[in-house]
């Protein structure tokens, strides 16, 4: 999970992002951020996120993104 948190912090260093942060509801991520994030996640976790995977539920929180990564075959380390 630390790798994912790092990616999100690099995308928006001005925000304190943790597992309780509501990324879409609080307007932290916009559509361009999500495109950038999909590319970063695909590269970092060696996965392929499809267009139909891009939903508010999948990108609304760290838990949602983690579940998406795992559903596409990526490994989330909780250390």
C-alpha atoms as a PDB file:
ATOM      1  CA  UNK A   1       0.000   0.000   0.000  1.00  0.00           C
ATOM      2  CA  UNK A   2       2.987   2.295   0.579  1.00  0.00           C
ATOM      3  CA  UNK A   3       3.802   2.272  -3.156  1.00  0.00           C
ATOM      4  CA  UNK A   4       0.254   3.380  -3.977  1.00  0.00           C
ATOM      5  CA  UNK A   5       0.315   6.115  -1.332  1.00  0.00           C
ATOM      6  CA  UNK A   6       3.631   7.349  -2.751  1.00  0.00           C
ATOM      7  CA  UNK A   7       2.184   7.539  -6.273  1.00  0.00           C
ATOM      8  CA  UNK A   8      -0.784   9.548  -5.003  1.00  0.00           C
ATOM      9  CA  UNK A   9       1.429  11.879  -2.937  1.00  0.00           C
ATOM     10  CA  UNK A  10       3.631  12.520  -5.977  1.00  0.00           C
ATOM     11  CA  UNK A  11       0.530  13.348  -8.016  1.00  0.00           C
ATOM     12  CA  UNK A  12      -0.803  15.757  -5.348  1.00  0.00           C
ATOM     13  CA  UNK A  13       1.872  16.685  -2.802  1.00  0.00           C
ATOM     14  CA  UNK A  14      -0.301  19.569  -1.571  1.00  0.00           C
ATOM     15  CA  UNK A  15      -2.835  17.134  -0.072  1.00  0.00           C
ATOM     16  CA  UNK A  16      -2.516  14.816   2.889  1.00  0.00           C
ATOM     17  CA  UNK A  17      -3.713  11.566   1.359  1.00  0.00           C
ATOM     18  CA  UNK A  18      -4.354   8.507   3.495  1.00  0.00           C
ATOM     19  CA  UNK A  19      -6.733   5.565   3.450  1.00  0.00           C
ATOM     20  CA  UNK A  20      -9.595   7.756   4.707  1.00  0.00           C
ATOM     21  CA  UNK A  21      -9.270  10.380   1.985  1.00  0.00           C
ATOM     22  CA  UNK A  22     -12.198  10.621  -0.421  1.00  0.00           C
ATOM     23  CA  UNK A  23     -10.276  11.249  -3.627  1.00  0.00           C
ATOM     24  CA  UNK A  24     -13.166  12.046  -5.961  1.00  0.00           C
ATOM     25  CA  UNK A  25     -15.773  13.344  -3.496  1.00  0.00           C
ATOM     26  CA  UNK A  26     -13.297  15.870  -2.115  1.00  0.00           C
ATOM     27  CA  UNK A  27     -12.236  16.815  -5.661  1.00  0.00           C
ATOM     28  CA  UNK A  28      -8.627  15.774  -5.173  1.00  0.00           C
ATOM     29  CA  UNK A  29      -8.568  13.728  -8.383  1.00  0.00           C
ATOM     30  CA  UNK A  30      -9.910  15.110 -11.638  1.00  0.00           C
ATOM     31  CA  UNK A  31     -10.161  13.353 -14.997  1.00  0.00           C
ATOM     32  CA  UNK A  32      -6.617  14.266 -16.056  1.00  0.00           C
ATOM     33  CA  UNK A  33      -5.264  13.008 -12.723  1.00  0.00           C
ATOM     34  CA  UNK A  34      -7.042   9.702 -13.273  1.00  0.00           C
ATOM     35  CA  UNK A  35      -5.505   9.299 -16.740  1.00  0.00           C
ATOM     36  CA  UNK A  36      -2.065   9.977 -15.239  1.00  0.00           C
ATOM     37  CA  UNK A  37      -2.782   7.646 -12.330  1.00  0.00           C
ATOM     38  CA  UNK A  38      -3.896   4.808 -14.631  1.00  0.00           C
ATOM     39  CA  UNK A  39      -0.613   5.085 -16.542  1.00  0.00           C
ATOM     40  CA  UNK A  40       1.406   5.146 -13.318  1.00  0.00           C
ATOM     41  CA  UNK A  41      -0.485   2.164 -11.864  1.00  0.00           C
ATOM     42  CA  UNK A  42      -0.118   0.149 -15.068  1.00  0.00           C
ATOM     43  CA  UNK A  43       3.636   0.772 -15.042  1.00  0.00           C
ATOM     44  CA  UNK A  44       4.201   0.303 -11.309  1.00  0.00           C
ATOM     45  CA  UNK A  45       2.092  -2.842 -10.844  1.00  0.00           C
ATOM     46  CA  UNK A  46       2.549  -4.347 -14.343  1.00  0.00           C
ATOM     47  CA  UNK A  47      -1.207  -4.439 -14.917  1.00  0.00           C
ATOM     48  CA  UNK A  48      -3.614  -3.255 -17.589  1.00  0.00           C
ATOM     49  CA  UNK A  49      -6.506  -1.130 -16.368  1.00  0.00           C
ATOM     50  CA  UNK A  50      -9.365  -1.104 -18.876  1.00  0.00           C
ATOM     51  CA  UNK A  51     -11.675   1.825 -19.623  1.00  0.00           C
ATOM     52  CA  UNK A  52     -14.577   0.024 -17.930  1.00  0.00           C
ATOM     53  CA  UNK A  53     -12.472  -0.250 -14.742  1.00  0.00           C
ATOM     54  CA  UNK A  54     -12.441   3.534 -14.395  1.00  0.00           C
ATOM     55  CA  UNK A  55     -15.346   4.207 -12.052  1.00  0.00           C
ATOM     56  CA  UNK A  56     -15.882   6.489  -9.052  1.00  0.00           C
ATOM     57  CA  UNK A  57     -15.864   3.404  -6.831  1.00  0.00           C
ATOM     58  CA  UNK A  58     -12.499   2.258  -8.181  1.00  0.00           C
ATOM     59  CA  UNK A  59     -10.815   5.647  -7.866  1.00  0.00           C
ATOM     60  CA  UNK A  60     -12.707   7.162  -4.945  1.00  0.00           C
ATOM     61  CA  UNK A  61     -10.339   5.926  -2.247  1.00  0.00           C
ATOM     62  CA  UNK A  62      -7.072   4.123  -1.671  1.00  0.00           C
ATOM     63  CA  UNK A  63      -9.065   0.980  -0.833  1.00  0.00           C
ATOM     64  CA  UNK A  64     -10.924   1.219  -4.147  1.00  0.00           C
ATOM     65  CA  UNK A  65      -7.700   1.657  -6.095  1.00  0.00           C
ATOM     66  CA  UNK A  66      -6.080  -1.207  -4.175  1.00  0.00           C
ATOM     67  CA  UNK A  67      -8.996  -3.502  -4.966  1.00  0.00           C
ATOM     68  CA  UNK A  68      -8.777  -2.512  -8.634  1.00  0.00           C
ATOM     69  CA  UNK A  69      -5.042  -3.244  -8.745  1.00  0.00           C
ATOM     70  CA  UNK A  70      -5.580  -6.667  -7.175  1.00  0.00           C
ATOM     71  CA  UNK A  71      -8.508  -7.439  -9.506  1.00  0.00           C
ATOM     72  CA  UNK A  72      -6.205  -6.783 -12.476  1.00  0.00           C
ATOM     73  CA  UNK A  73      -3.528  -9.129 -11.072  1.00  0.00           C
ATOM     74  CA  UNK A  74      -1.307  -6.669  -9.217  1.00  0.00           C
ATOM     75  CA  UNK A  75       0.030  -7.231  -5.732  1.00  0.00           C
ATOM     76  CA  UNK A  76      -0.557  -4.708  -2.968  1.00  0.00           C
ATOM     77  CA  UNK A  77       1.928  -5.027  -0.143  1.00  0.00           C
ATOM     78  CA  UNK A  78       0.564  -3.788   3.173  1.00  0.00           C
ATOM     79  CA  UNK A  79       4.007  -3.061   4.606  1.00  0.00           C
END
